[in-house]
Amino acid sequence: MGNLVQDVMTRNPKVLRASSTVMDAACTMRDFKIGDVIVVDDTNMVRGIVTDRDLVVKAVASGSDPSKTSIESICTKDITVLKPTQTTEDAVKIMREKAIRRLPVVEGDNLVGIVSLGDLAKRIDSGSCLGQISAAPPNN
């Protein structure tokens, strides 16, 4: 059997409430040198994901005020999640089929991690270009 998602995922991903602003998300991504934030409701249930690309394409490029626009209005709500006990092969298959780069990991109703294309590349093919780039420290 292959590696499990729990072996490669990033634990305790950054979350923001759906009512948080685009500015909140941008500052969180900057401060933690990450490219995504999980969107949760008041009960901490996963409701979506917002990426750095979402900030640019769905908010900035459309002329939205980042200090007044909620991340709920720009996040991707139709998300696929993984269980920590699923295999990395499952994650790769889902990412390939759905053309997505990040998958939240949930156990029951609780968010326990996130697995990215880079996480998988570092573990499965660390010598690949993507694996090497993903292992390098952030350049910002």
Protein backbone atom coordinates (compact mmCIF):
# COMPACT_ATOMS: atom_id res chain seq x y z
CA MET A 1 0.00 0.00 0.00
CA GLY A 2 1.21 3.52 -0.75
CA ASN A 3 1.74 6.45 1.53
CA LEU A 4 -1.25 7.82 3.36
CA VAL A 5 -2.48 11.38 3.01
CA GLN A 6 -1.85 11.91 6.74
CA ASP A 7 1.85 11.24 6.10
CA VAL A 8 2.24 14.07 3.59
CA MET A 9 -0.44 16.62 4.48
CA THR A 10 0.22 19.96 6.12
CA ARG A 11 -1.43 19.86 9.51
CA ASN A 12 -3.46 22.72 10.96
CA PRO A 13 -3.99 24.70 7.75
CA LYS A 14 -4.89 28.36 8.10
CA VAL A 15 -8.61 29.03 8.22
CA LEU A 16 -10.73 32.15 8.05
CA ARG A 17 -14.43 32.66 8.63
CA ALA A 18 -16.55 33.12 5.52
CA SER A 19 -17.25 36.71 6.59
CA SER A 20 -13.52 37.59 6.57
CA THR A 21 -12.42 39.97 3.85
CA VAL A 22 -10.22 39.54 0.83
CA MET A 23 -7.72 41.77 2.65
CA ASP A 24 -7.75 39.38 5.64
CA ALA A 25 -7.03 36.46 3.34
CA ALA A 26 -4.25 38.29 1.50
CA CYS A 27 -2.58 39.28 4.77
CA THR A 28 -2.84 35.74 6.13
CA MET A 29 -1.28 34.33 2.97
CA ARG A 30 1.49 36.90 3.10
CA ASP A 31 2.20 36.45 6.80
CA PHE A 32 2.33 32.66 6.64
CA LYS A 33 3.85 32.43 3.14
CA ILE A 34 1.03 30.26 1.84
CA GLY A 35 -1.16 30.28 -1.25
CA ASP A 36 -4.52 29.28 0.17
CA VAL A 37 -6.84 29.61 3.15
CA ILE A 38 -9.66 27.25 4.08
CA VAL A 39 -13.03 28.99 4.51
CA VAL A 40 -15.09 27.85 7.49
CA ASP A 41 -18.47 28.77 8.93
CA ASP A 42 -19.22 29.72 12.53
CA THR A 43 -19.19 26.04 13.54
CA ASN A 44 -15.75 25.49 11.93
CA MET A 45 -17.21 23.35 9.14
CA VAL A 46 -15.30 23.61 5.87
CA ARG A 47 -17.28 25.72 3.41
CA GLY A 48 -14.69 26.44 0.74
CA ILE A 49 -11.17 27.38 -0.18
CA VAL A 50 -9.73 30.65 -1.38
CA THR A 51 -6.41 30.79 -3.21
CA ASP A 52 -4.03 33.56 -4.10
CA ARG A 53 -5.28 33.22 -7.68
CA ASP A 54 -8.87 33.72 -6.48
CA LEU A 55 -7.80 36.96 -4.80
CA VAL A 56 -6.37 38.28 -8.03
CA VAL A 57 -8.84 36.96 -10.60
CA LYS A 58 -12.12 37.13 -8.69
CA ALA A 59 -11.52 40.18 -6.50
CA VAL A 60 -8.76 42.53 -7.64
CA ALA A 61 -9.30 42.15 -11.40
CA SER A 62 -13.03 42.70 -11.00
CA GLY A 63 -12.46 45.95 -9.10
CA SER A 64 -13.78 44.73 -5.75
CA ASP A 65 -12.74 46.59 -2.61
CA PRO A 66 -10.50 44.07 -0.77
CA SER A 67 -11.37 45.57 2.62
CA LYS A 68 -15.12 45.15 2.02
CA THR A 69 -15.40 42.02 -0.10
CA SER A 70 -15.99 38.80 1.84
CA ILE A 71 -14.00 35.72 0.98
CA GLU A 72 -17.28 33.82 0.89
CA SER A 73 -18.14 35.73 -2.28
CA ILE A 74 -14.97 34.62 -4.10
CA CYS A 75 -14.08 31.24 -2.63
CA THR A 76 -14.56 27.92 -4.36
CA LYS A 77 -17.44 26.26 -2.56
CA ASP A 78 -17.68 23.02 -4.51
CA ILE A 79 -14.64 21.36 -2.98
CA THR A 80 -13.47 17.81 -2.76
CA VAL A 81 -12.01 16.63 0.52
CA LEU A 82 -9.87 13.68 1.53
CA LYS A 83 -9.73 11.53 4.64
CA PRO A 84 -6.33 11.25 6.33
CA THR A 85 -6.39 7.47 5.78
CA GLN A 86 -6.77 7.70 2.02
CA THR A 87 -3.67 7.00 -0.04
CA THR A 88 -1.52 9.52 -1.84
CA GLU A 89 -2.50 7.67 -5.00
CA ASP A 90 -6.12 8.61 -4.26
CA ALA A 91 -5.06 12.24 -3.90
CA VAL A 92 -3.12 12.21 -7.18
CA LYS A 93 -6.04 10.61 -9.01
CA ILE A 94 -8.53 13.18 -7.70
CA MET A 95 -6.21 16.10 -8.49
CA ARG A 96 -5.64 14.81 -12.00
CA GLU A 97 -9.33 14.12 -12.70
CA LYS A 98 -10.55 17.44 -11.31
CA ALA A 99 -7.53 19.57 -12.29
CA ILE A 100 -7.07 20.89 -8.75
CA ARG A 101 -3.91 21.56 -6.77
CA ARG A 102 -5.07 21.43 -3.13
CA LEU A 103 -7.38 19.18 -1.15
CA PRO A 104 -8.55 19.80 2.41
CA VAL A 105 -8.26 16.76 4.67
CA VAL A 106 -11.12 16.11 7.08
CA GLU A 107 -11.80 13.57 9.75
CA GLY A 108 -15.52 13.47 10.42
CA ASP A 109 -16.48 17.15 10.43
CA ASN A 110 -13.05 18.33 11.55
CA LEU A 111 -10.46 19.88 9.28
CA VAL A 112 -7.14 18.20 10.09
CA GLY A 113 -4.94 19.20 7.18
CA ILE A 114 -4.45 20.08 3.56
CA VAL A 115 -2.52 18.25 0.89
CA SER A 116 -1.13 20.10 -2.10
CA LEU A 117 0.32 19.08 -5.41
CA GLY A 118 3.68 20.23 -4.03
CA ASP A 119 3.34 18.04 -0.93
CA LEU A 120 2.78 15.04 -3.15
CA ALA A 121 5.63 15.93 -5.50
CA LYS A 122 8.06 16.25 -2.59
CA ARG A 123 7.08 12.80 -1.28
CA ILE A 124 6.49 10.85 -4.47
CA ASP A 125 9.04 12.38 -6.85
CA SER A 126 11.42 14.61 -4.89
CA GLY A 127 13.87 14.72 -7.80
CA SER A 128 11.32 16.19 -10.19
CA CYS A 129 11.30 19.87 -11.00
CA LEU A 130 8.05 20.36 -9.05
CA GLY A 131 9.39 18.34 -6.14
CA GLN A 132 12.54 20.48 -5.96
CA ILE A 133 10.63 23.76 -6.27
CA SER A 134 8.14 22.66 -3.61
CA ALA A 135 10.96 21.76 -1.21
CA ALA A 136 12.71 25.12 -1.66
CA PRO A 137 12.07 27.90 0.87
CA PRO A 138 9.61 30.63 -0.18
CA ASN A 139 11.22 33.39 -2.21
CA ASN A 140 9.14 36.25 -0.88
